[in-house]
N, C-alpha and C. Protein backbone atom coordinates (compact mmCIF):
# COMPACT_ATOMS: atom_id res chain seq x y z
N MET A 1 -12.91 -4.72 14.28
CA MET A 1 -12.04 -4.41 15.29
C MET A 1 -10.61 -4.50 14.86
N LEU A 2 -9.53 -3.48 15.04
CA LEU A 2 -8.10 -3.79 15.26
C LEU A 2 -7.66 -4.49 16.25
N GLU A 3 -6.67 -5.56 15.41
CA GLU A 3 -5.98 -6.44 16.50
C GLU A 3 -4.99 -6.04 16.68
N ILE A 4 -4.04 -6.40 17.46
CA ILE A 4 -2.74 -5.66 17.90
C ILE A 4 -1.36 -5.57 16.60
N GLY A 5 -1.00 -4.30 16.63
CA GLY A 5 -0.46 -3.89 15.84
C GLY A 5 -0.79 -3.40 14.31
N GLN A 6 -1.86 -3.65 13.95
CA GLN A 6 -2.62 -3.69 12.84
C GLN A 6 -2.63 -1.38 12.96
N ASP A 7 -3.21 -0.97 14.26
CA ASP A 7 -3.42 0.25 14.44
C ASP A 7 -1.48 0.90 14.45
N TYR A 8 -0.44 0.06 14.52
CA TYR A 8 0.88 0.83 14.22
C TYR A 8 0.67 1.17 12.31
N ILE A 9 0.22 0.65 11.61
CA ILE A 9 0.55 0.58 10.22
C ILE A 9 -0.62 1.96 10.28
N ILE A 10 -1.76 1.87 10.78
CA ILE A 10 -3.13 3.16 10.28
C ILE A 10 -2.61 4.43 10.70
N LYS A 11 -2.18 4.31 11.97
CA LYS A 11 -2.01 5.47 12.66
C LYS A 11 -0.37 6.45 11.89
N GLU A 12 0.33 5.45 11.28
CA GLU A 12 1.67 5.59 11.13
C GLU A 12 1.39 6.26 9.28
N ALA A 13 0.65 5.45 8.75
CA ALA A 13 -0.07 6.19 7.89
C ALA A 13 -0.55 7.60 7.34
N ARG A 14 -1.36 8.01 8.69
CA ARG A 14 -1.99 8.86 9.18
C ARG A 14 -0.79 10.06 9.33
N LYS A 15 -0.15 9.73 10.06
CA LYS A 15 1.06 11.18 10.21
C LYS A 15 1.23 11.72 8.78
N TYR A 16 1.42 11.18 7.68
CA TYR A 16 1.89 11.82 6.44
C TYR A 16 0.53 12.25 5.56
N MET A 17 -0.87 12.45 6.19
CA MET A 17 -1.98 13.09 5.40
C MET A 17 -1.83 13.97 4.77
N ASN A 18 -1.71 14.35 3.43
CA ASN A 18 -1.82 15.54 2.89
C ASN A 18 -0.52 16.04 2.40
N PHE A 19 0.53 15.25 3.08
CA PHE A 19 2.07 15.23 2.51
C PHE A 19 2.56 15.59 0.92
N GLU A 20 2.96 16.48 0.55
CA GLU A 20 3.40 17.10 -1.18
C GLU A 20 4.64 16.81 -1.84
N GLU A 21 4.81 16.41 -2.46
CA GLU A 21 5.63 16.29 -3.70
C GLU A 21 5.83 17.49 -4.38
N THR A 22 7.55 17.92 -4.73
CA THR A 22 7.74 18.95 -5.82
C THR A 22 6.83 18.65 -6.78
N PRO A 23 7.22 19.33 -8.03
CA PRO A 23 6.43 19.11 -8.91
C PRO A 23 7.38 17.78 -9.77
N ASN A 24 6.56 16.84 -10.65
CA ASN A 24 7.14 15.96 -11.16
C ASN A 24 7.82 14.73 -10.54
N ASN A 25 7.50 14.90 -9.15
CA ASN A 25 8.08 13.67 -8.33
C ASN A 25 9.52 13.92 -8.68
N SER A 26 9.65 15.62 -8.26
CA SER A 26 11.04 16.18 -8.00
C SER A 26 11.90 16.29 -6.86
N GLY A 27 11.14 15.36 -5.58
CA GLY A 27 11.10 15.94 -4.14
C GLY A 27 9.93 15.92 -4.04
N PHE A 28 10.16 16.03 -2.47
CA PHE A 28 8.77 16.56 -1.19
C PHE A 28 8.64 17.79 -0.22
N LYS A 29 7.96 18.47 -0.16
CA LYS A 29 7.94 19.89 0.38
C LYS A 29 8.52 19.38 2.16
N ASN A 30 8.08 18.50 2.64
CA ASN A 30 8.28 17.84 3.78
C ASN A 30 10.17 17.49 3.38
N LYS A 31 11.18 18.09 3.91
CA LYS A 31 12.07 17.79 3.51
C LYS A 31 12.32 16.23 4.55
N LYS A 32 11.96 16.30 5.76
CA LYS A 32 12.45 15.14 6.49
C LYS A 32 11.57 13.81 6.18
N PHE A 33 10.60 14.39 5.48
CA PHE A 33 10.10 13.21 4.84
C PHE A 33 10.60 12.67 3.42
N GLU A 34 10.95 13.44 2.50
CA GLU A 34 12.13 13.27 1.53
C GLU A 34 12.80 12.34 2.21
N SER A 35 13.60 12.91 3.27
CA SER A 35 14.97 11.68 3.57
C SER A 35 14.71 10.41 4.21
N MET A 36 13.23 10.53 4.57
CA MET A 36 12.92 8.98 5.00
C MET A 36 12.68 8.34 3.54
N MET A 37 12.04 9.25 2.86
CA MET A 37 11.30 8.37 1.90
C MET A 37 13.21 8.11 0.52
N ARG A 38 14.22 8.49 0.57
CA ARG A 38 15.22 8.07 -0.15
C ARG A 38 15.96 7.42 0.72
N LYS A 39 15.58 7.02 1.70
CA LYS A 39 16.27 5.73 2.52
C LYS A 39 15.48 4.53 2.07
N MET A 40 14.20 4.78 2.08
CA MET A 40 13.25 3.65 0.92
C MET A 40 13.93 3.18 -0.23
N GLY A 41 14.65 3.84 -0.72
CA GLY A 41 15.24 3.98 -2.03
C GLY A 41 14.55 4.82 -2.74
N TRP A 42 13.61 5.55 -2.66
CA TRP A 42 12.69 6.37 -3.40
C TRP A 42 14.12 7.14 -3.96
N LYS A 43 13.86 7.37 -5.53
CA LYS A 43 15.17 8.59 -6.22
C LYS A 43 14.37 9.85 -7.04
N LYS A 44 14.81 10.39 -7.28
CA LYS A 44 14.38 11.58 -7.78
C LYS A 44 13.88 11.44 -8.84
N TYR A 45 12.30 11.88 -9.15
CA TYR A 45 11.45 11.57 -10.48
C TYR A 45 10.86 10.26 -10.52
N GLN A 46 11.15 9.67 -9.63
CA GLN A 46 10.14 8.01 -9.33
C GLN A 46 9.12 8.42 -8.88
N SER A 47 7.67 7.07 -9.48
CA SER A 47 6.79 7.41 -8.71
C SER A 47 7.11 7.10 -7.70
N TRP A 48 6.21 6.85 -6.21
CA TRP A 48 6.57 7.06 -5.00
C TRP A 48 5.61 6.40 -4.31
N CYS A 49 4.31 5.74 -4.48
CA CYS A 49 3.59 4.94 -3.67
C CYS A 49 3.75 3.85 -3.29
N ALA A 50 4.72 2.90 -3.84
CA ALA A 50 5.13 1.63 -3.16
C ALA A 50 6.41 2.36 -2.30
N TYR A 51 7.39 3.06 -2.23
CA TYR A 51 7.85 3.68 -1.30
C TYR A 51 7.49 4.03 0.15
N PHE A 52 6.15 4.84 0.05
CA PHE A 52 5.44 5.00 1.05
C PHE A 52 4.92 3.96 1.23
N THR A 53 4.83 3.12 1.17
CA THR A 53 3.89 1.69 1.65
C THR A 53 5.04 1.02 2.66
N GLU A 54 6.34 0.96 1.80
CA GLU A 54 7.24 0.29 2.92
C GLU A 54 7.79 1.20 3.95
N LEU A 55 7.82 2.49 3.42
CA LEU A 55 8.30 3.02 4.56
C LEU A 55 6.82 2.95 5.97
N ILE A 56 5.47 3.03 5.80
CA ILE A 56 5.13 2.98 6.94
C ILE A 56 4.57 1.66 7.43
N TRP A 57 5.08 0.87 6.79
CA TRP A 57 5.48 -1.01 6.78
C TRP A 57 6.47 -1.04 8.01
N ARG A 58 7.69 -0.30 7.33
CA ARG A 58 8.59 -0.79 8.23
C ARG A 58 8.82 0.10 9.37
N ARG A 59 8.32 1.08 9.86
CA ARG A 59 8.18 1.95 10.93
C ARG A 59 7.00 1.22 11.85
N ALA A 60 6.02 0.90 11.45
CA ALA A 60 4.82 0.46 11.98
C ALA A 60 5.47 -0.65 12.87
N TYR A 61 6.04 -1.89 11.98
CA TYR A 61 6.66 -2.92 12.84
C TYR A 61 7.86 -2.61 13.76
N ALA A 62 8.58 -1.72 13.17
CA ALA A 62 9.80 -0.85 14.02
C ALA A 62 9.12 -0.75 15.92
N ASN A 63 7.87 0.45 15.51
CA ASN A 63 7.29 0.62 16.63
C ASN A 63 6.51 -0.60 17.03
N ALA A 64 6.28 -1.19 16.54
CA ALA A 64 5.79 -2.41 17.33
C ALA A 64 6.91 -3.60 17.96
N ASN A 65 7.99 -2.83 17.83
CA ASN A 65 9.42 -3.91 18.12
C ASN A 65 9.07 -4.81 17.15
N ILE A 66 8.87 -5.29 16.53
CA ILE A 66 9.01 -6.57 15.53
C ILE A 66 10.22 -6.56 14.55
N LYS A 67 11.01 -7.59 14.91
CA LYS A 67 12.27 -7.15 14.21
C LYS A 67 12.02 -7.84 12.75
N VAL A 68 11.36 -7.25 11.42
CA VAL A 68 11.76 -7.76 10.27
C VAL A 68 11.79 -7.12 9.23
N ASP A 69 12.59 -6.05 9.57
CA ASP A 69 13.30 -4.79 8.48
C ASP A 69 13.56 -5.36 7.12
N ASP A 70 15.06 -6.55 7.38
CA ASP A 70 15.34 -6.99 6.48
C ASP A 70 14.92 -7.61 5.62
N GLU A 71 13.71 -8.35 5.98
CA GLU A 71 12.47 -9.05 5.22
C GLU A 71 11.79 -7.81 4.38
N LEU A 72 11.33 -7.01 5.22
CA LEU A 72 10.50 -6.14 4.56
C LEU A 72 11.72 -5.36 3.14
N LYS A 73 12.64 -4.91 3.44
CA LYS A 73 13.47 -4.42 2.61
C LYS A 73 13.71 -5.14 1.30
N ARG A 74 13.41 -6.59 1.54
CA ARG A 74 14.00 -7.42 0.33
C ARG A 74 12.33 -7.81 -0.62
N LEU A 75 11.18 -7.20 0.40
CA LEU A 75 9.83 -7.77 -0.28
C LEU A 75 9.44 -6.21 -0.91
N PHE A 76 9.61 -5.66 -0.49
CA PHE A 76 9.15 -4.08 -1.14
C PHE A 76 10.04 -3.91 -2.28
N SER A 77 9.44 -3.72 -3.38
CA SER A 77 10.25 -2.56 -4.35
C SER A 77 9.58 -1.17 -4.58
N ALA A 78 10.41 -0.39 -5.69
CA ALA A 78 9.65 0.03 -6.53
C ALA A 78 8.52 0.24 -7.08
N SER A 79 8.45 -0.80 -7.65
CA SER A 79 6.91 -1.34 -8.25
C SER A 79 6.08 -2.37 -7.40
N ALA A 80 4.68 -1.53 -7.96
CA ALA A 80 3.57 -2.25 -6.63
C ALA A 80 3.16 -3.39 -7.17
N VAL A 81 3.18 -3.40 -8.43
CA VAL A 81 3.21 -4.88 -8.78
C VAL A 81 4.23 -5.95 -8.28
N GLN A 82 5.30 -5.49 -8.24
CA GLN A 82 6.41 -6.46 -8.04
C GLN A 82 6.15 -6.71 -6.69
N THR A 83 6.07 -5.06 -6.17
CA THR A 83 5.98 -6.25 -4.50
C THR A 83 5.03 -7.02 -4.08
N TYR A 84 3.94 -6.77 -4.90
CA TYR A 84 2.98 -7.62 -4.34
C TYR A 84 3.15 -9.20 -5.00
N LYS A 85 3.71 -9.35 -6.03
CA LYS A 85 4.78 -10.96 -6.10
C LYS A 85 5.50 -11.06 -5.81
N ASN A 86 6.65 -10.36 -5.00
CA ASN A 86 7.46 -10.86 -3.97
C ASN A 86 6.88 -10.74 -2.23
N PHE A 87 5.24 -10.42 -2.07
CA PHE A 87 4.74 -10.60 -0.61
C PHE A 87 4.06 -12.07 -1.14
N LYS A 88 3.47 -12.13 -2.40
CA LYS A 88 2.69 -13.40 -2.79
C LYS A 88 3.66 -14.91 -2.24
N SER A 89 5.09 -14.62 -3.38
CA SER A 89 5.77 -15.82 -2.86
C SER A 89 6.54 -15.86 -1.72
N ALA A 90 6.21 -14.85 -0.65
CA ALA A 90 6.99 -15.48 0.60
C ALA A 90 5.93 -15.86 1.49
N ASP A 91 5.97 -15.79 2.84
CA ASP A 91 5.36 -16.38 3.32
C ASP A 91 3.99 -14.90 4.04
N TYR A 92 3.81 -14.88 3.34
CA TYR A 92 2.18 -13.50 3.64
C TYR A 92 1.18 -13.90 3.01
N GLN A 93 -0.04 -13.71 3.64
CA GLN A 93 -1.52 -14.06 3.42
C GLN A 93 -1.86 -12.85 2.24
N ILE A 94 -2.46 -13.41 1.27
CA ILE A 94 -2.98 -12.52 0.29
C ILE A 94 -4.74 -12.87 0.38
N SER A 95 -5.20 -12.16 -0.03
CA SER A 95 -6.73 -12.67 -0.03
C SER A 95 -7.40 -11.38 -1.33
N MET A 96 -8.97 -11.70 -1.67
CA MET A 96 -9.53 -10.45 -2.26
C MET A 96 -9.91 -9.61 -1.39
N LYS A 97 -10.04 -9.88 -0.23
CA LYS A 97 -10.66 -8.81 0.59
C LYS A 97 -9.98 -8.20 1.36
N PRO A 98 -10.22 -7.09 2.28
CA PRO A 98 -9.60 -6.24 2.53
C PRO A 98 -9.54 -6.38 4.26
N TRP A 99 -8.15 -5.89 4.50
CA TRP A 99 -7.98 -6.51 6.39
C TRP A 99 -7.11 -5.08 6.64
N TYR A 100 -7.46 -4.45 7.67
CA TYR A 100 -6.93 -3.44 8.60
C TYR A 100 -5.28 -3.44 8.39
N GLY A 101 -4.54 -2.55 8.23
CA GLY A 101 -3.08 -2.07 7.50
C GLY A 101 -2.96 -2.90 6.59
N ALA A 102 -3.66 -3.66 5.95
CA ALA A 102 -3.11 -4.44 4.72
C ALA A 102 -2.55 -3.59 3.29
N LEU A 103 -1.78 -3.95 2.56
CA LEU A 103 -1.70 -3.55 1.37
C LEU A 103 -2.91 -3.85 0.05
N VAL A 104 -3.14 -2.66 -0.73
CA VAL A 104 -4.12 -3.43 -1.61
C VAL A 104 -3.35 -2.70 -2.67
N VAL A 105 -3.08 -3.80 -3.92
CA VAL A 105 -2.76 -3.50 -4.75
C VAL A 105 -3.18 -3.38 -6.24
N TRP A 106 -2.97 -2.37 -6.96
CA TRP A 106 -3.65 -2.33 -8.77
C TRP A 106 -3.01 -2.51 -9.29
N GLN A 107 -3.44 -3.48 -10.61
CA GLN A 107 -2.40 -3.14 -11.82
C GLN A 107 -3.15 -2.83 -12.74
N LYS A 108 -2.13 -1.86 -13.61
CA LYS A 108 -2.52 -1.07 -14.67
C LYS A 108 -2.92 -2.47 -16.28
N HIS A 109 -3.95 -1.79 -16.47
CA HIS A 109 -4.14 -2.68 -17.86
C HIS A 109 -4.47 -1.80 -19.23
N LYS A 110 -4.26 -2.47 -19.97
CA LYS A 110 -4.37 -1.46 -21.39
C LYS A 110 -4.33 -2.77 -22.19
N ASP A 111 -5.60 -2.20 -23.06
CA ASP A 111 -6.20 -2.86 -23.97
C ASP A 111 -6.05 -4.53 -23.48
N GLY A 112 -6.95 -4.40 -21.91
CA GLY A 112 -6.94 -5.64 -21.56
C GLY A 112 -6.25 -6.62 -20.97
N LYS A 113 -4.84 -5.94 -21.24
CA LYS A 113 -3.80 -6.53 -20.85
C LYS A 113 -2.93 -6.18 -19.40
N PRO A 114 -2.38 -6.89 -18.39
CA PRO A 114 -1.88 -6.54 -17.48
C PRO A 114 -0.63 -5.58 -18.05
N ASP A 115 -0.01 -5.04 -17.42
CA ASP A 115 0.90 -3.55 -17.41
C ASP A 115 1.86 -4.15 -15.96
N TRP A 116 3.52 -3.61 -16.43
CA TRP A 116 4.33 -3.86 -15.04
C TRP A 116 3.50 -2.55 -14.43
N ARG A 117 2.96 -1.86 -14.36
CA ARG A 117 2.36 -0.66 -13.78
C ARG A 117 1.40 -0.73 -12.38
N GLY A 118 1.50 -0.31 -11.60
CA GLY A 118 0.56 -0.26 -10.41
C GLY A 118 0.34 0.65 -9.87
N HIS A 119 -0.47 0.54 -8.40
CA HIS A 119 -0.62 1.71 -7.37
C HIS A 119 -1.03 0.48 -6.08
N ILE A 120 -0.58 0.84 -5.38
CA ILE A 120 -0.69 0.21 -3.93
C ILE A 120 -0.75 1.63 -2.73
N GLY A 121 -1.37 0.91 -1.47
CA GLY A 121 -2.06 1.71 -0.68
C GLY A 121 -2.23 0.86 0.39
N ILE A 122 -2.76 1.06 1.57
CA ILE A 122 -2.64 0.85 3.30
C ILE A 122 -4.21 0.72 3.34
N VAL A 123 -4.90 -0.36 4.10
CA VAL A 123 -6.37 -0.49 4.22
C VAL A 123 -6.17 0.20 5.62
N THR A 124 -7.05 1.11 5.59
CA THR A 124 -8.00 1.83 7.00
C THR A 124 -8.57 1.35 7.16
N LYS A 125 -10.00 0.92 6.65
CA LYS A 125 -11.30 0.34 7.24
C LYS A 125 -12.12 -0.17 6.01
N PHE A 126 -12.72 -1.32 6.54
CA PHE A 126 -13.84 -1.76 5.26
C PHE A 126 -14.86 -2.10 5.52
N ASN A 127 -15.80 -2.34 5.25
CA ASN A 127 -17.13 -2.26 5.40
C ASN A 127 -17.82 -2.92 3.98
N GLY A 128 -18.53 -4.35 4.19
CA GLY A 128 -18.84 -4.85 2.59
C GLY A 128 -18.12 -4.95 1.88
N ASP A 129 -18.24 -4.33 0.62
CA ASP A 129 -17.60 -3.99 -0.57
C ASP A 129 -16.76 -2.99 -0.67
N LEU A 130 -17.28 -2.68 0.08
CA LEU A 130 -16.13 -0.42 0.19
C LEU A 130 -15.09 -1.07 0.92
N PHE A 131 -13.86 -0.13 0.50
CA PHE A 131 -12.83 -0.03 1.95
C PHE A 131 -12.03 1.59 1.65
N ASN A 132 -11.42 1.79 2.86
CA ASN A 132 -10.86 2.66 2.63
C ASN A 132 -9.49 2.66 2.56
N SER A 133 -8.33 3.33 1.91
CA SER A 133 -7.00 3.60 1.88
C SER A 133 -6.39 4.55 1.78
N ILE A 134 -5.24 4.64 2.21
CA ILE A 134 -4.27 5.70 2.12
C ILE A 134 -2.87 5.73 1.24
N GLU A 135 -3.46 6.08 0.44
CA GLU A 135 -1.88 6.02 -0.65
C GLU A 135 -0.82 7.38 -0.99
N GLY A 136 0.30 7.11 -1.38
CA GLY A 136 1.21 8.18 -1.76
C GLY A 136 0.97 8.49 -3.38
N ASN A 137 1.09 9.29 -3.68
CA ASN A 137 1.52 9.65 -5.29
C ASN A 137 -0.13 9.48 -5.66
N THR A 138 -0.45 10.14 -4.89
CA THR A 138 -2.22 10.19 -5.70
C THR A 138 -2.91 11.62 -5.46
N ASN A 139 -4.33 11.74 -5.73
CA ASN A 139 -4.56 13.34 -5.25
C ASN A 139 -5.52 13.11 -5.11
N ASP A 140 -6.42 14.16 -4.84
CA ASP A 140 -8.22 14.47 -4.22
C ASP A 140 -9.13 13.06 -5.60
N GLY A 141 -8.41 13.83 -6.38
CA GLY A 141 -9.48 12.52 -7.45
C GLY A 141 -9.23 10.91 -7.44
N GLY A 142 -7.98 10.89 -6.85
CA GLY A 142 -7.83 9.71 -6.93
C GLY A 142 -6.65 8.86 -7.53
N SER A 143 -6.14 9.91 -8.81
CA SER A 143 -5.18 9.00 -9.75
C SER A 143 -3.74 8.30 -9.46
N ARG A 144 -3.21 7.30 -9.93
CA ARG A 144 -2.23 7.05 -9.40
C ARG A 144 -1.35 7.49 -10.01
N ASN A 145 -1.15 8.68 -10.71
CA ASN A 145 -0.28 9.72 -10.68
C ASN A 145 -0.53 11.10 -10.15
N GLY A 146 -0.70 11.30 -8.70
CA GLY A 146 -0.88 12.14 -8.28
C GLY A 146 0.01 13.29 -7.71
N TYR A 147 0.07 13.96 -6.51
CA TYR A 147 1.14 14.20 -6.31
C TYR A 147 1.34 14.61 -4.34
N LYS A 148 0.50 14.03 -4.17
CA LYS A 148 0.35 13.93 -2.21
C LYS A 148 -0.12 12.19 -1.84
N VAL A 149 -0.23 12.65 -0.39
CA VAL A 149 -0.72 11.69 0.08
C VAL A 149 -2.13 11.44 0.60
N HIS A 150 -2.89 10.72 0.62
CA HIS A 150 -4.46 11.01 0.47
C HIS A 150 -5.87 9.79 0.78
N GLU A 151 -6.43 10.11 1.22
CA GLU A 151 -7.23 8.89 1.54
C GLU A 151 -8.25 9.13 0.67
N HIS A 152 -8.63 7.46 0.69
CA HIS A 152 -10.04 7.33 -1.03
C HIS A 152 -10.48 6.40 -0.57
N VAL A 153 -11.92 6.54 -0.96
CA VAL A 153 -12.58 4.92 -0.65
C VAL A 153 -12.56 4.39 -1.93
N HIS A 154 -12.86 3.28 -1.64
CA HIS A 154 -13.19 1.85 -3.18
C HIS A 154 -14.25 1.22 -3.17
N GLN A 155 -14.21 0.44 -4.47
CA GLN A 155 -15.06 -0.86 -4.39
C GLN A 155 -13.99 -1.95 -4.55
N ILE A 156 -14.59 -2.87 -3.84
CA ILE A 156 -13.69 -3.94 -4.49
C ILE A 156 -13.98 -4.52 -5.49
N SER A 157 -13.45 -4.26 -6.50
CA SER A 157 -13.83 -4.83 -7.97
C SER A 157 -13.33 -5.23 -8.81
N LEU A 158 -12.94 -5.85 -9.45
CA LEU A 158 -11.78 -6.79 -10.63
C LEU A 158 -11.38 -5.57 -11.79
N GLU A 159 -12.79 -4.80 -11.60
CA GLU A 159 -12.95 -4.14 -12.99
C GLU A 159 -11.81 -3.08 -12.87
N SER A 160 -11.82 -2.63 -14.07
CA SER A 160 -10.74 -0.99 -13.99
C SER A 160 -11.70 -0.28 -13.52
N GLU A 161 -10.49 0.39 -12.55
CA GLU A 161 -11.39 1.55 -11.68
C GLU A 161 -11.18 3.19 -12.25
N ARG A 162 -12.11 4.22 -12.26
CA ARG A 162 -11.93 5.57 -12.52
C ARG A 162 -11.51 5.58 -13.38
N ASN A 163 -11.76 4.85 -14.47
CA ASN A 163 -10.78 4.98 -16.03
C ASN A 163 -9.34 5.39 -16.17
N TYR A 164 -8.58 4.83 -14.90
CA TYR A 164 -7.11 5.23 -15.07
C TYR A 164 -6.81 3.59 -15.41
N GLY A 165 -7.49 2.38 -15.98
CA GLY A 165 -7.07 1.96 -15.99
C GLY A 165 -6.79 0.61 -14.74
N LEU A 166 -7.37 0.52 -13.88
CA LEU A 166 -6.60 -0.28 -12.86
C LEU A 166 -7.38 -0.90 -12.32
N ARG A 167 -6.74 -2.17 -12.03
CA ARG A 167 -7.54 -3.49 -11.52
C ARG A 167 -7.10 -3.88 -10.52
N LEU A 168 -7.63 -4.40 -9.61
CA LEU A 168 -7.82 -5.23 -8.17
C LEU A 168 -6.99 -6.52 -7.76
N ILE A 169 -5.46 -6.08 -7.89
CA ILE A 169 -4.98 -7.88 -7.42
C ILE A 169 -5.06 -8.53 -6.49
N GLY A 170 -5.17 -7.59 -5.18
CA GLY A 170 -5.24 -8.33 -4.18
C GLY A 170 -4.90 -7.17 -2.55
N PHE A 171 -5.33 -8.00 -1.55
CA PHE A 171 -4.62 -7.05 -0.60
C PHE A 171 -3.13 -8.40 0.00
N VAL A 172 -2.54 -7.49 0.80
CA VAL A 172 -1.14 -7.81 1.19
C VAL A 172 -1.51 -8.17 2.98
N HIS A 173 -1.50 -9.09 3.43
CA HIS A 173 -2.29 -9.09 4.58
C HIS A 173 -1.06 -9.12 5.89
N PRO A 174 -1.14 -7.86 7.01
CA PRO A 174 0.44 -7.65 7.77
C PRO A 174 0.40 -9.10 8.62
N LYS A 175 1.40 -9.38 9.17
CA LYS A 175 1.88 -10.31 10.04
C LYS A 175 1.51 -9.89 11.89
N PHE A 176 0.77 -9.26 11.57
CA PHE A 176 0.83 -8.77 13.62
C PHE A 176 -0.59 -9.74 13.90
N VAL A 177 -1.32 -10.05 12.78
CA VAL A 177 -2.49 -10.76 13.40
C VAL A 177 -2.42 -12.31 13.36
N THR A 178 -3.25 -13.08 13.45
CA THR A 178 -2.89 -14.48 13.88
C THR A 178 -3.77 -14.77 12.25
N TYR A 179 -2.88 -15.57 11.52
CA TYR A 179 -3.63 -16.51 10.31
C TYR A 179 -4.89 -17.03 10.37
N ASP A 180 -5.18 -17.63 11.36
CA ASP A 180 -6.62 -18.47 11.40
C ASP A 180 -7.48 -17.74 11.32
N ASN A 181 -7.38 -16.47 12.58
CA ASN A 181 -8.38 -15.59 12.52
C ASN A 181 -8.78 -15.00 11.35
N ILE A 182 -7.78 -14.69 10.44
CA ILE A 182 -8.29 -14.50 8.87
C ILE A 182 -8.92 -15.13 8.59
N LYS A 183 -8.29 -16.64 8.30
CA LYS A 183 -9.04 -17.31 7.43
C LYS A 183 -10.44 -17.36 7.89
N LYS A 184 -10.92 -17.56 9.57
CA LYS A 184 -11.93 -17.45 9.89
C LYS A 184 -13.32 -16.34 9.16
N THR A 185 -12.43 -15.42 9.57
CA THR A 185 -13.00 -14.29 8.49
C THR A 185 -13.75 -13.60 7.67
N ILE A 186 -12.17 -13.84 6.60
CA ILE A 186 -12.34 -13.76 5.32
C ILE A 186 -11.92 -14.41 4.19
N GLY A 187 -11.59 -15.46 4.53
CA GLY A 187 -10.99 -16.41 3.51
C GLY A 187 -10.14 -15.59 2.80
N TYR A 188 -8.71 -16.69 2.28
CA TYR A 188 -7.36 -16.37 2.07
C TYR A 188 -7.54 -17.35 0.90
N GLU A 189 -6.19 -17.03 0.44
CA GLU A 189 -5.40 -17.68 -1.04
C GLU A 189 -4.12 -17.69 -1.33
N LYS A 190 -3.32 -18.49 -1.16
CA LYS A 190 -1.86 -18.46 -1.08
C LYS A 190 -1.51 -18.43 -2.34
C-alpha cells in the first residue's frame, strides 16, 4: 500500500515512460525533458540514469510541497554509486528490500571487483523477491547503456544481473513515510 508522498514519486516517473535520447547520450528527443535534465546537471554525452532519478525525486518532493531541494541537489550525483554513498551517509534509510518510490542502486563489477560505475532506478512496486523499477538510460532488454526511460521487473539478488555485471547494493527510501513503519515492515540498515 502506498503511503502519502510515494505516489508523487511513482506518478512523476511514469510521466516520462518511453522518453528517448538522441544517439550516444547527445540529447533527448523531447526538448522540454532535455531542458529539465540539463537543470539537474546533465551534460551532452553523459550517462543519465542518476540525473533522471534526481529529476523525479526533486519534482515529486516539490509537488508534495516538501522543501528539500537543496539537500537533494547535494546528495544526488552523476554517478549512481556515489549517489547511493551520499544518501547512505545522510539521514536516509537504506535497506536491501524495496519500498515504493525508493531509489534502487546497482554497482558494476568486473572480475568480481566493484567498479565506480552503476545504474539507478525508482521502485514502482514489489512482491516477494520481485520488484519493478522505472529507469532512465536503459532499453527494452534492461541494459544500463540504453536510450530511453523504461520499466523493468527485477529479482532481488546480490549476484550480477543479466550478464551486465551489475549487482544490487541497496534501496534508498524516500522520507515521505515514517521510518518506524518501514523498520517494522522490512527491516533496515544504517
